[in-house]
Amino acid sequence: MTTDTPARLLTLLSLLQTPREWPGGELAERLGVSRRTVRRDIDRLRELGYPVQATMGADGGYRLVAGKAMPPLVLDDEEAVAIAVGLRAGAGHAVEGVEEASVRALAKLEQVLPARLRHRVSTLQAATMPLTSGDGASIAPETLTVMASCVAGRERLRFGYRAGDGTESRRLTEPYRLVSTGRRWYLVAYDLDRADWRTFRVDRVSEPFATGARFAPRELPTGSAAEYLRQSMWRRQETYDFSVTFAAPVEFVAARLPGWLGAPERIDEGRCRLRGSVGDSVEWMAVRLAVVDCEFEVEEPEELVRCVRELGGRLSRAGGGEGGG
């Protein structure tokens, strides 16, 4: 018999969170108490915000239904491990609109996991689905959860950072949001040492440390963290001018290239030229030109000329053509 009321309520809640209806007699037997005590305990759970529905009948039954807000869950060891592993996977494989929520939920769950379960989660995660970004740069789940906790708690965050040129530094920040691009994670934060907003690639962060110092959130220069990151990436991106001549009519080429590259200009009935500026890699541009499905000649820049030539050679060798060995 469970005489401790808080322990009994937790046991009762755990039973009710199983998706089924529980007869009052069965709950009384499981808990080792009277049906009257079960009814009182059900009333206590309702007072705490748990929407427990009672059904009429000879024996009567109880089940947990959807409410206006989700009250705390009671999980057994296996359920907690399963959810933690799933959240880690969700954080590593960004699904639009839920990736940051996955990290916040993971931070909350791992904060209360017993050490034995944390070890099981880490072991299972390492053996099945390592958390990596799209380009293979490894990110420790703990790094994301520390950051998410600081964002949610408005707590200053200190960490080591390696810039793109390899320069190492220590940063003290007021973290604002975590943003996933699908390939990488970024932290948008106010850098206290530089007195300005910055974006940080999370795979370049080391030893993140929650300082415990609280802060009042500053106003971001743009409407959202995602928009700020987008503008920041565009400002840092190198652009190049290009000019390409196609042995095909304007309509043919325009229908096979994205409009933001620009509009082809007619040279004559069977040829056109495309000029513009682009911030994507020359490798991407070479592949995009190759799928237009007509003869073309790159006039500039020289980097794109070389890339198209190398791509053509690789494709020829892959097809067993000249130079294929």
C-alpha atoms as a PDB file:
ATOM      1  CA  MET A   1       0.000   0.000   0.000  1.00  0.00           C
ATOM      2  CA  THR A   2       1.292   3.472  -0.954  1.00  0.00           C
ATOM      3  CA  THR A   3       0.804   5.663   2.130  1.00  0.00           C
ATOM      4  CA  ASP A   4       2.856   8.642   0.938  1.00  0.00           C
ATOM      5  CA  THR A   5       0.380  10.945  -0.820  1.00  0.00           C
ATOM      6  CA  PRO A   6       2.840  12.728  -3.223  1.00  0.00           C
ATOM      7  CA  ALA A   7       4.335   9.369  -4.253  1.00  0.00           C
ATOM      8  CA  ARG A   8       0.861   7.912  -4.737  1.00  0.00           C
ATOM      9  CA  LEU A   9      -0.220  10.873  -6.867  1.00  0.00           C
ATOM     10  CA  LEU A  10       2.832  10.445  -9.091  1.00  0.00           C
ATOM     11  CA  THR A  11       2.084   6.750  -9.493  1.00  0.00           C
ATOM     12  CA  LEU A  12      -1.546   7.516 -10.298  1.00  0.00           C
ATOM     13  CA  LEU A  13      -0.500  10.164 -12.818  1.00  0.00           C
ATOM     14  CA  SER A  14       1.912   7.758 -14.482  1.00  0.00           C
ATOM     15  CA  LEU A  15      -0.900   5.218 -14.888  1.00  0.00           C
ATOM     16  CA  LEU A  16      -3.333   7.787 -16.289  1.00  0.00           C
ATOM     17  CA  GLN A  17      -0.813   8.984 -18.856  1.00  0.00           C
ATOM     18  CA  THR A  18      -1.063   5.589 -20.508  1.00  0.00           C
ATOM     19  CA  PRO A  19      -3.617   6.035 -23.342  1.00  0.00           C
ATOM     20  CA  ARG A  20      -6.456   3.920 -21.955  1.00  0.00           C
ATOM     21  CA  GLU A  21      -9.366   4.161 -19.562  1.00  0.00           C
ATOM     22  CA  TRP A  22      -8.752   2.915 -16.011  1.00  0.00           C
ATOM     23  CA  PRO A  23     -11.627   1.501 -13.963  1.00  0.00           C
ATOM     24  CA  GLY A  24     -11.680   2.943 -10.447  1.00  0.00           C
ATOM     25  CA  GLY A  25     -11.429  -0.537  -8.916  1.00  0.00           C
ATOM     26  CA  GLU A  26      -8.280  -1.358 -10.914  1.00  0.00           C
ATOM     27  CA  LEU A  27      -6.622   1.921  -9.900  1.00  0.00           C
ATOM     28  CA  ALA A  28      -7.493   1.254  -6.243  1.00  0.00           C
ATOM     29  CA  GLU A  29      -5.969  -2.217  -6.504  1.00  0.00           C
ATOM     30  CA  ARG A  30      -2.807  -0.929  -8.195  1.00  0.00           C
ATOM     31  CA  LEU A  31      -2.320   1.763  -5.564  1.00  0.00           C
ATOM     32  CA  GLY A  32      -3.396  -0.347  -2.599  1.00  0.00           C
ATOM     33  CA  VAL A  33      -6.015   2.174  -1.459  1.00  0.00           C
ATOM     34  CA  SER A  34      -9.788   2.490  -1.407  1.00  0.00           C
ATOM     35  CA  ARG A  35     -11.872   3.758  -4.308  1.00  0.00           C
ATOM     36  CA  ARG A  36     -12.745   6.778  -2.209  1.00  0.00           C
ATOM     37  CA  THR A  37      -9.049   7.614  -1.885  1.00  0.00           C
ATOM     38  CA  VAL A  38      -8.691   7.249  -5.669  1.00  0.00           C
ATOM     39  CA  ARG A  39     -11.519   9.757  -6.154  1.00  0.00           C
ATOM     40  CA  ARG A  40      -9.855  12.213  -3.777  1.00  0.00           C
ATOM     41  CA  ASP A  41      -6.533  11.795  -5.582  1.00  0.00           C
ATOM     42  CA  ILE A  42      -8.237  12.392  -8.936  1.00  0.00           C
ATOM     43  CA  ASP A  43      -9.662  15.640  -7.540  1.00  0.00           C
ATOM     44  CA  ARG A  44      -6.153  16.691  -6.420  1.00  0.00           C
ATOM     45  CA  LEU A  45      -4.786  16.063  -9.923  1.00  0.00           C
ATOM     46  CA  ARG A  46      -7.571  18.172 -11.401  1.00  0.00           C
ATOM     47  CA  GLU A  47      -6.698  20.999  -9.017  1.00  0.00           C
ATOM     48  CA  LEU A  48      -3.113  20.786 -10.304  1.00  0.00           C
ATOM     49  CA  GLY A  49      -4.317  21.247 -13.875  1.00  0.00           C
ATOM     50  CA  TYR A  50      -4.486  17.675 -15.116  1.00  0.00           C
ATOM     51  CA  PRO A  51      -7.674  17.176 -17.197  1.00  0.00           C
ATOM     52  CA  VAL A  52      -8.882  13.835 -15.838  1.00  0.00           C
ATOM     53  CA  GLN A  53     -12.225  12.729 -17.280  1.00  0.00           C
ATOM     54  CA  ALA A  54     -14.515  10.388 -15.370  1.00  0.00           C
ATOM     55  CA  THR A  55     -16.976   8.032 -17.068  1.00  0.00           C
ATOM     56  CA  MET A  56     -20.210   6.842 -15.582  1.00  0.00           C
ATOM     57  CA  GLY A  57     -20.986   3.207 -14.969  1.00  0.00           C
ATOM     58  CA  ALA A  58     -21.067   0.458 -12.386  1.00  0.00           C
ATOM     59  CA  ASP A  59     -17.332   0.571 -11.867  1.00  0.00           C
ATOM     60  CA  GLY A  60     -16.600   4.023 -13.242  1.00  0.00           C
ATOM     61  CA  GLY A  61     -13.466   4.847 -15.153  1.00  0.00           C
ATOM     62  CA  TYR A  62     -10.865   7.575 -15.535  1.00  0.00           C
ATOM     63  CA  ARG A  63      -8.658   8.745 -18.364  1.00  0.00           C
ATOM     64  CA  LEU A  64      -6.467  11.747 -19.113  1.00  0.00           C
ATOM     65  CA  VAL A  65      -7.749  13.938 -21.940  1.00  0.00           C
ATOM     66  CA  ALA A  66      -6.338  16.890 -23.852  1.00  0.00           C
ATOM     67  CA  GLY A  67      -6.557  20.173 -21.974  1.00  0.00           C
ATOM     68  CA  LYS A  68      -5.883  23.836 -22.689  1.00  0.00           C
ATOM     69  CA  ALA A  69      -2.256  23.495 -21.594  1.00  0.00           C
ATOM     70  CA  MET A  70       0.055  20.543 -21.203  1.00  0.00           C
ATOM     71  CA  PRO A  71       0.808  19.780 -17.541  1.00  0.00           C
ATOM     72  CA  PRO A  72       4.081  18.083 -16.564  1.00  0.00           C
ATOM     73  CA  LEU A  73       4.585  14.513 -17.746  1.00  0.00           C
ATOM     74  CA  VAL A  74       5.723  11.622 -15.615  1.00  0.00           C
ATOM     75  CA  LEU A  75       8.069   9.363 -17.574  1.00  0.00           C
ATOM     76  CA  ASP A  76       9.642   6.043 -16.733  1.00  0.00           C
ATOM     77  CA  ASP A  77      13.316   5.403 -17.543  1.00  0.00           C
ATOM     78  CA  GLU A  78      12.703   3.865 -20.973  1.00  0.00           C
ATOM     79  CA  GLU A  79      10.348   6.669 -22.026  1.00  0.00           C
ATOM     80  CA  ALA A  80      12.754   9.385 -20.898  1.00  0.00           C
ATOM     81  CA  VAL A  81      15.645   7.823 -22.818  1.00  0.00           C
ATOM     82  CA  ALA A  82      13.517   7.402 -25.951  1.00  0.00           C
ATOM     83  CA  ILE A  83      12.354  11.028 -25.892  1.00  0.00           C
ATOM     84  CA  ALA A  84      15.857  12.397 -25.261  1.00  0.00           C
ATOM     85  CA  VAL A  85      17.313  10.407 -28.171  1.00  0.00           C
ATOM     86  CA  GLY A  86      14.465  11.529 -30.422  1.00  0.00           C
ATOM     87  CA  LEU A  87      14.957  15.178 -29.478  1.00  0.00           C
ATOM     88  CA  ARG A  88      18.681  14.947 -30.166  1.00  0.00           C
ATOM     89  CA  ALA A  89      17.930  13.537 -33.597  1.00  0.00           C
ATOM     90  CA  GLY A  90      15.366  16.288 -34.204  1.00  0.00           C
ATOM     91  CA  ALA A  91      17.871  18.949 -33.225  1.00  0.00           C
ATOM     92  CA  GLY A  92      20.477  17.531 -35.599  1.00  0.00           C
ATOM     93  CA  HIS A  93      18.171  17.184 -38.596  1.00  0.00           C
ATOM     94  CA  ALA A  94      16.486  20.536 -38.808  1.00  0.00           C
ATOM     95  CA  VAL A  95      12.791  20.503 -39.583  1.00  0.00           C
ATOM     96  CA  GLU A  96      11.563  24.012 -40.324  1.00  0.00           C
ATOM     97  CA  GLY A  97       9.819  25.552 -37.362  1.00  0.00           C
ATOM     98  CA  VAL A  98      10.682  22.915 -34.741  1.00  0.00           C
ATOM     99  CA  GLU A  99      14.470  22.722 -34.604  1.00  0.00           C
ATOM    100  CA  GLU A 100      14.986  25.312 -31.820  1.00  0.00           C
ATOM    101  CA  ALA A 101      12.003  23.937 -29.891  1.00  0.00           C
ATOM    102  CA  SER A 102      13.663  20.498 -30.022  1.00  0.00           C
ATOM    103  CA  VAL A 103      16.827  21.911 -28.494  1.00  0.00           C
ATOM    104  CA  ARG A 104      14.934  23.790 -25.755  1.00  0.00           C
ATOM    105  CA  ALA A 105      12.955  20.673 -24.864  1.00  0.00           C
ATOM    106  CA  LEU A 106      16.141  18.609 -24.850  1.00  0.00           C
ATOM    107  CA  ALA A 107      17.800  21.128 -22.523  1.00  0.00           C
ATOM    108  CA  LYS A 108      14.914  20.883 -20.066  1.00  0.00           C
ATOM    109  CA  LEU A 109      14.813  17.099 -20.165  1.00  0.00           C
ATOM    110  CA  GLU A 110      18.568  16.555 -19.799  1.00  0.00           C
ATOM    111  CA  GLN A 111      18.661  18.985 -16.864  1.00  0.00           C
ATOM    112  CA  VAL A 112      16.529  16.619 -14.795  1.00  0.00           C
ATOM    113  CA  LEU A 113      17.733  13.272 -16.141  1.00  0.00           C
ATOM    114  CA  PRO A 114      19.535  11.144 -13.544  1.00  0.00           C
ATOM    115  CA  ALA A 115      23.196  10.483 -14.325  1.00  0.00           C
ATOM    116  CA  ARG A 116      22.509   6.841 -15.201  1.00  0.00           C
ATOM    117  CA  LEU A 117      19.984   7.888 -17.860  1.00  0.00           C
ATOM    118  CA  ARG A 118      22.223  10.630 -19.256  1.00  0.00           C
ATOM    119  CA  HIS A 119      24.884   7.990 -19.830  1.00  0.00           C
ATOM    120  CA  ARG A 120      22.386   5.724 -21.596  1.00  0.00           C
ATOM    121  CA  VAL A 121      21.201   8.551 -23.838  1.00  0.00           C
ATOM    122  CA  SER A 122      24.763   9.517 -24.804  1.00  0.00           C
ATOM    123  CA  THR A 123      25.744   5.904 -25.462  1.00  0.00           C
ATOM    124  CA  LEU A 124      22.698   5.186 -27.598  1.00  0.00           C
ATOM    125  CA  GLN A 125      23.026   8.451 -29.504  1.00  0.00           C
ATOM    126  CA  ALA A 126      26.685   7.857 -30.307  1.00  0.00           C
ATOM    127  CA  ALA A 127      25.928   4.360 -31.523  1.00  0.00           C
ATOM    128  CA  THR A 128      23.007   5.230 -33.766  1.00  0.00           C
ATOM    129  CA  MET A 129      22.820   8.805 -35.007  1.00  0.00           C
ATOM    130  CA  PRO A 130      25.614  11.296 -34.304  1.00  0.00           C
ATOM    131  CA  LEU A 131      24.560  14.938 -34.282  1.00  0.00           C
ATOM    132  CA  THR A 132      26.256  16.556 -37.276  1.00  0.00           C
ATOM    133  CA  SER A 133      25.629  19.508 -39.497  1.00  0.00           C
ATOM    134  CA  GLY A 134      25.095  19.150 -43.220  1.00  0.00           C
ATOM    135  CA  ASP A 135      28.772  19.617 -44.120  1.00  0.00           C
ATOM    136  CA  GLY A 136      30.004  17.038 -41.613  1.00  0.00           C
ATOM    137  CA  ALA A 137      31.082  19.501 -38.894  1.00  0.00           C
ATOM    138  CA  SER A 138      30.388  17.778 -35.593  1.00  0.00           C
ATOM    139  CA  ILE A 139      28.342  19.553 -32.912  1.00  0.00           C
ATOM    140  CA  ALA A 140      28.111  18.183 -29.392  1.00  0.00           C
ATOM    141  CA  PRO A 141      24.463  18.061 -28.245  1.00  0.00           C
ATOM    142  CA  GLU A 142      25.584  19.499 -24.909  1.00  0.00           C
ATOM    143  CA  THR A 143      26.767  22.645 -26.706  1.00  0.00           C
ATOM    144  CA  LEU A 144      23.287  23.241 -28.113  1.00  0.00           C
ATOM    145  CA  THR A 145      21.537  22.507 -24.837  1.00  0.00           C
ATOM    146  CA  VAL A 146      23.763  24.881 -22.853  1.00  0.00           C
ATOM    147  CA  MET A 147      23.082  27.615 -25.409  1.00  0.00           C
ATOM    148  CA  ALA A 148      19.346  26.932 -25.451  1.00  0.00           C
ATOM    149  CA  SER A 149      19.208  27.096 -21.658  1.00  0.00           C
ATOM    150  CA  CYS A 150      20.985  30.464 -21.671  1.00  0.00           C
ATOM    151  CA  VAL A 151      18.658  31.819 -24.359  1.00  0.00           C
ATOM    152  CA  ALA A 152      15.567  30.706 -22.442  1.00  0.00           C
ATOM    153  CA  GLY A 153      16.910  31.876 -19.058  1.00  0.00           C
ATOM    154  CA  ARG A 154      18.355  35.169 -20.390  1.00  0.00           C
ATOM    155  CA  GLU A 155      21.720  34.210 -18.951  1.00  0.00           C
ATOM    156  CA  ARG A 156      25.079  35.444 -20.221  1.00  0.00           C
ATOM    157  CA  LEU A 157      27.098  32.863 -22.110  1.00  0.00           C
ATOM    158  CA  ARG A 158      30.888  32.585 -22.346  1.00  0.00           C
ATOM    159  CA  PHE A 159      32.625  30.362 -24.897  1.00  0.00           C
ATOM    160  CA  GLY A 160      35.707  29.863 -27.026  1.00  0.00           C
ATOM    161  CA  TYR A 161      35.336  30.655 -30.724  1.00  0.00           C
ATOM    162  CA  ARG A 162      37.361  29.822 -33.814  1.00  0.00           C
ATOM    163  CA  ALA A 163      36.851  32.271 -36.686  1.00  0.00           C
ATOM    164  CA  GLY A 164      36.876  31.274 -40.353  1.00  0.00           C
ATOM    165  CA  ASP A 165      40.567  32.206 -40.662  1.00  0.00           C
ATOM    166  CA  GLY A 166      41.445  30.030 -37.645  1.00  0.00           C
ATOM    167  CA  THR A 167      41.791  32.879 -35.113  1.00  0.00           C
ATOM    168  CA  GLU A 168      40.891  31.755 -31.579  1.00  0.00           C
ATOM    169  CA  SER A 169      39.122  34.058 -29.111  1.00  0.00           C
ATOM    170  CA  ARG A 170      36.994  34.044 -25.965  1.00  0.00           C
ATOM    171  CA  ARG A 171      33.547  35.609 -26.169  1.00  0.00           C
ATOM    172  CA  LEU A 172      31.136  36.889 -23.526  1.00  0.00           C
ATOM    173  CA  THR A 173      27.668  37.234 -24.993  1.00  0.00           C
ATOM    174  CA  GLU A 174      24.013  37.829 -24.325  1.00  0.00           C
ATOM    175  CA  PRO A 175      22.500  34.994 -26.405  1.00  0.00           C
ATOM    176  CA  TYR A 176      19.344  35.908 -28.289  1.00  0.00           C
ATOM    177  CA  ARG A 177      18.349  32.943 -30.466  1.00  0.00           C
ATOM    178  CA  LEU A 178      19.613  29.720 -32.007  1.00  0.00           C
ATOM    179  CA  VAL A 179      18.902  29.511 -35.743  1.00  0.00           C
ATOM    180  CA  SER A 180      19.214  26.458 -37.986  1.00  0.00           C
ATOM    181  CA  THR A 181      19.769  26.870 -41.722  1.00  0.00           C
ATOM    182  CA  GLY A 182      19.310  23.152 -42.386  1.00  0.00           C
ATOM    183  CA  ARG A 183      23.071  22.725 -42.911  1.00  0.00           C
ATOM    184  CA  ARG A 184      24.431  24.516 -39.862  1.00  0.00           C
ATOM    185  CA  TRP A 185      23.432  25.955 -36.487  1.00  0.00           C
ATOM    186  CA  TYR A 186      24.097  29.606 -35.670  1.00  0.00           C
ATOM    187  CA  LEU A 187      23.876  31.594 -32.446  1.00  0.00           C
ATOM    188  CA  VAL A 188      22.641  35.176 -32.747  1.00  0.00           C
ATOM    189  CA  ALA A 189      23.953  37.086 -29.730  1.00  0.00           C
ATOM    190  CA  TYR A 190      25.092  40.473 -28.466  1.00  0.00           C
ATOM    191  CA  ASP A 191      28.895  40.412 -28.063  1.00  0.00           C
ATOM    192  CA  LEU A 192      29.674  42.386 -24.903  1.00  0.00           C
ATOM    193  CA  ASP A 193      33.397  42.830 -25.639  1.00  0.00           C
ATOM    194  CA  ARG A 194      32.694  44.217 -29.127  1.00  0.00           C
ATOM    195  CA  ALA A 195      29.523  46.076 -28.090  1.00  0.00           C
ATOM    196  CA  ASP A 196      27.658  44.825 -31.150  1.00  0.00           C
ATOM    197  CA  TRP A 197      25.460  42.045 -32.459  1.00  0.00           C
ATOM    198  CA  ARG A 198      27.200  38.990 -33.905  1.00  0.00           C
ATOM    199  CA  THR A 199      26.389  35.593 -35.398  1.00  0.00           C
ATOM    200  CA  PHE A 200      28.441  32.537 -34.424  1.00  0.00           C
ATOM    201  CA  ARG A 201      28.652  29.175 -36.148  1.00  0.00           C
ATOM    202  CA  VAL A 202      27.934  26.664 -33.405  1.00  0.00           C
ATOM    203  CA  ASP A 203      30.339  24.056 -34.822  1.00  0.00           C
ATOM    204  CA  ARG A 204      33.149  26.570 -34.166  1.00  0.00           C
ATOM    205  CA  VAL A 205      32.146  27.083 -30.522  1.00  0.00           C
ATOM    206  CA  SER A 206      34.026  25.337 -27.714  1.00  0.00           C
ATOM    207  CA  GLU A 207      33.566  25.109 -23.941  1.00  0.00           C
ATOM    208  CA  PRO A 208      30.243  26.997 -23.676  1.00  0.00           C
ATOM    209  CA  PHE A 209      29.704  28.138 -20.091  1.00  0.00           C
ATOM    210  CA  ALA A 210      26.577  29.584 -18.517  1.00  0.00           C
ATOM    211  CA  THR A 211      27.841  32.388 -16.257  1.00  0.00           C
ATOM    212  CA  GLY A 212      24.731  32.690 -14.110  1.00  0.00           C
ATOM    213  CA  ALA A 213      24.558  36.460 -14.762  1.00  0.00           C
ATOM    214  CA  ARG A 214      21.109  37.519 -15.964  1.00  0.00           C
ATOM    215  CA  PHE A 215      20.478  40.254 -18.521  1.00  0.00           C
ATOM    216  CA  ALA A 216      17.593  42.275 -19.933  1.00  0.00           C
ATOM    217  CA  PRO A 217      17.135  41.404 -23.635  1.00  0.00           C
ATOM    218  CA  ARG A 218      18.256  44.053 -26.121  1.00  0.00           C
ATOM    219  CA  GLU A 219      16.299  44.937 -29.227  1.00  0.00           C
ATOM    220  CA  LEU A 220      17.568  43.147 -32.317  1.00  0.00           C
ATOM    221  CA  PRO A 221      18.395  45.463 -35.267  1.00  0.00           C
ATOM    222  CA  THR A 222      16.059  43.463 -37.533  1.00  0.00           C
ATOM    223  CA  GLY A 223      12.674  41.934 -36.926  1.00  0.00           C
ATOM    224  CA  SER A 224      13.793  38.364 -36.300  1.00  0.00           C
ATOM    225  CA  ALA A 225      16.936  36.370 -35.596  1.00  0.00           C
ATOM    226  CA  ALA A 226      16.502  34.459 -38.872  1.00  0.00           C
ATOM    227  CA  GLU A 227      16.373  37.696 -40.876  1.00  0.00           C
ATOM    228  CA  TYR A 228      19.388  39.099 -39.025  1.00  0.00           C
ATOM    229  CA  LEU A 229      21.353  35.929 -39.800  1.00  0.00           C
ATOM    230  CA  ARG A 230      20.320  36.074 -43.460  1.00  0.00           C
ATOM    231  CA  GLN A 231      21.498  39.678 -43.797  1.00  0.00           C
ATOM    232  CA  SER A 232      24.706  38.946 -41.902  1.00  0.00           C
ATOM    233  CA  MET A 233      25.543  36.006 -44.170  1.00  0.00           C
ATOM    234  CA  TRP A 234      24.831  38.081 -47.270  1.00  0.00           C
ATOM    235  CA  ARG A 235      27.108  40.913 -46.090  1.00  0.00           C
ATOM    236  CA  ARG A 236      29.968  38.454 -45.589  1.00  0.00           C
ATOM    237  CA  GLN A 237      29.394  36.635 -48.844  1.00  0.00           C
ATOM    238  CA  GLU A 238      31.773  37.304 -51.731  1.00  0.00           C
ATOM    239  CA  THR A 239      30.036  38.035 -55.012  1.00  0.00           C
ATOM    240  CA  TYR A 240      31.348  37.819 -58.552  1.00  0.00           C
ATOM    241  CA  ASP A 241      30.201  39.080 -61.937  1.00  0.00           C
ATOM    242  CA  PHE A 242      29.623  36.551 -64.691  1.00  0.00           C
ATOM    243  CA  SER A 243      28.908  36.499 -68.410  1.00  0.00           C
ATOM    244  CA  VAL A 244      27.795  33.386 -70.266  1.00  0.00           C
ATOM    245  CA  THR A 245      26.761  32.908 -73.898  1.00  0.00           C
ATOM    246  CA  PHE A 246      24.249  30.160 -74.745  1.00  0.00           C
ATOM    247  CA  ALA A 247      23.695  28.537 -78.128  1.00  0.00           C
ATOM    248  CA  ALA A 248      19.914  28.632 -77.634  1.00  0.00           C
ATOM    249  CA  PRO A 249      17.045  31.150 -77.849  1.00  0.00           C
ATOM    250  CA  VAL A 250      16.271  33.472 -74.946  1.00  0.00           C
ATOM    251  CA  GLU A 251      13.024  31.669 -74.096  1.00  0.00           C
ATOM    252  CA  PHE A 252      14.754  28.292 -73.894  1.00  0.00           C
ATOM    253  CA  VAL A 253      17.455  29.502 -71.488  1.00  0.00           C
ATOM    254  CA  ALA A 254      15.152  31.656 -69.344  1.00  0.00           C
ATOM    255  CA  ALA A 255      12.857  28.676 -68.713  1.00  0.00           C
ATOM    256  CA  ARG A 256      15.756  26.588 -67.368  1.00  0.00           C
ATOM    257  CA  LEU A 257      17.461  29.055 -65.015  1.00  0.00           C
ATOM    258  CA  PRO A 258      16.170  30.686 -61.790  1.00  0.00           C
ATOM    259  CA  GLY A 259      14.851  34.188 -62.394  1.00  0.00           C
ATOM    260  CA  TRP A 260      17.048  35.769 -59.721  1.00  0.00           C
ATOM    261  CA  LEU A 261      20.139  35.084 -61.893  1.00  0.00           C
ATOM    262  CA  GLY A 262      18.827  37.694 -64.317  1.00  0.00           C
ATOM    263  CA  ALA A 263      17.173  37.810 -67.736  1.00  0.00           C
ATOM    264  CA  PRO A 264      19.098  36.535 -70.787  1.00  0.00           C
ATOM    265  CA  GLU A 265      19.717  39.087 -73.561  1.00  0.00           C
ATOM    266  CA  ARG A 266      19.072  38.140 -77.190  1.00  0.00           C
ATOM    267  CA  ILE A 267      22.121  38.090 -79.474  1.00  0.00           C
ATOM    268  CA  ASP A 268      20.372  36.609 -82.471  1.00  0.00           C
ATOM    269  CA  GLU A 269      17.702  34.015 -83.175  1.00  0.00           C
ATOM    270  CA  GLY A 270      19.737  31.102 -81.849  1.00  0.00           C
ATOM    271  CA  ARG A 271      21.957  32.718 -79.219  1.00  0.00           C
ATOM    272  CA  CYS A 272      21.656  34.757 -76.034  1.00  0.00           C
ATOM    273  CA  ARG A 273      23.892  36.088 -73.271  1.00  0.00           C
ATOM    274  CA  LEU A 274      23.360  36.137 -69.502  1.00  0.00           C
ATOM    275  CA  ARG A 275      25.160  38.685 -67.354  1.00  0.00           C
ATOM    276  CA  GLY A 276      24.838  39.264 -63.633  1.00  0.00           C
ATOM    277  CA  SER A 277      26.278  38.965 -60.131  1.00  0.00           C
ATOM    278  CA  VAL A 278      25.945  36.016 -57.798  1.00  0.00           C
ATOM    279  CA  GLY A 279      27.060  35.143 -54.301  1.00  0.00           C
ATOM    280  CA  ASP A 280      26.867  31.367 -54.626  1.00  0.00           C
ATOM    281  CA  SER A 281      29.968  29.243 -55.170  1.00  0.00           C
ATOM    282  CA  VAL A 282      31.430  28.903 -58.647  1.00  0.00           C
ATOM    283  CA  GLU A 283      30.983  25.145 -58.253  1.00  0.00           C
ATOM    284  CA  TRP A 284      27.227  25.604 -57.822  1.00  0.00           C
ATOM    285  CA  MET A 285      27.117  27.964 -60.807  1.00  0.00           C
ATOM    286  CA  ALA A 286      29.003  25.487 -63.011  1.00  0.00           C
ATOM    287  CA  VAL A 287      26.544  22.709 -62.214  1.00  0.00           C
ATOM    288  CA  ARG A 288      23.573  25.035 -62.755  1.00  0.00           C
ATOM    289  CA  LEU A 289      24.840  26.027 -66.190  1.00  0.00           C
ATOM    290  CA  ALA A 290      25.466  22.407 -67.145  1.00  0.00           C
ATOM    291  CA  VAL A 291      21.804  21.447 -66.671  1.00  0.00           C
ATOM    292  CA  VAL A 292      20.508  24.094 -69.110  1.00  0.00           C
ATOM    293  CA  ASP A 293      20.850  21.392 -71.792  1.00  0.00           C
ATOM    294  CA  CYS A 294      22.496  23.402 -74.548  1.00  0.00           C
ATOM    295  CA  GLU A 295      25.978  24.468 -75.618  1.00  0.00           C
ATOM    296  CA  PHE A 296      27.346  27.452 -73.706  1.00  0.00           C
ATOM    297  CA  GLU A 297      30.574  29.405 -73.226  1.00  0.00           C
ATOM    298  CA  VAL A 298      31.647  31.116 -70.000  1.00  0.00           C
ATOM    299  CA  GLU A 299      33.306  34.454 -70.747  1.00  0.00           C
ATOM    300  CA  GLU A 300      33.960  35.520 -67.149  1.00  0.00           C
ATOM    301  CA  PRO A 301      35.078  35.182 -64.419  1.00  0.00           C
ATOM    302  CA  GLU A 302      38.179  33.080 -64.932  1.00  0.00           C
ATOM    303  CA  GLU A 303      37.400  31.020 -61.790  1.00  0.00           C
ATOM    304  CA  LEU A 304      34.098  29.922 -63.318  1.00  0.00           C
ATOM    305  CA  VAL A 305      35.804  29.123 -66.637  1.00  0.00           C
ATOM    306  CA  ARG A 306      38.242  26.802 -64.834  1.00  0.00           C
ATOM    307  CA  CYS A 307      35.489  25.213 -62.771  1.00  0.00           C
ATOM    308  CA  VAL A 308      33.354  24.458 -65.859  1.00  0.00           C
ATOM    309  CA  ARG A 309      36.395  22.967 -67.602  1.00  0.00           C
ATOM    310  CA  GLU A 310      37.189  20.739 -64.612  1.00  0.00           C
ATOM    311  CA  LEU A 311      33.560  19.674 -64.276  1.00  0.00           C
ATOM    312  CA  GLY A 312      33.427  18.768 -67.955  1.00  0.00           C
ATOM    313  CA  GLY A 313      36.553  16.665 -67.581  1.00  0.00           C
ATOM    314  CA  ARG A 314      35.150  14.786 -64.578  1.00  0.00           C
ATOM    315  CA  LEU A 315      31.868  14.095 -66.346  1.00  0.00           C
ATOM    316  CA  SER A 316      33.698  12.888 -69.429  1.00  0.00           C
ATOM    317  CA  ARG A 317      35.898  10.545 -67.399  1.00  0.00           C
ATOM    318  CA  ALA A 318      32.892   9.259 -65.454  1.00  0.00           C
ATOM    319  CA  GLY A 319      31.251   8.366 -68.768  1.00  0.00           C
ATOM    320  CA  GLY A 320      34.339   6.596 -70.089  1.00  0.00           C
ATOM    321  CA  GLY A 321      35.216   9.373 -72.524  1.00  0.00           C
ATOM    322  CA  GLU A 322      38.587  10.902 -73.336  1.00  0.00           C
ATOM    323  CA  GLY A 323      40.876  10.833 -70.315  1.00  0.00           C
ATOM    324  CA  GLY A 324      38.716   8.212 -68.638  1.00  0.00           C
ATOM    325  CA  GLY A 325      41.570   5.678 -68.492  1.00  0.00           C
END
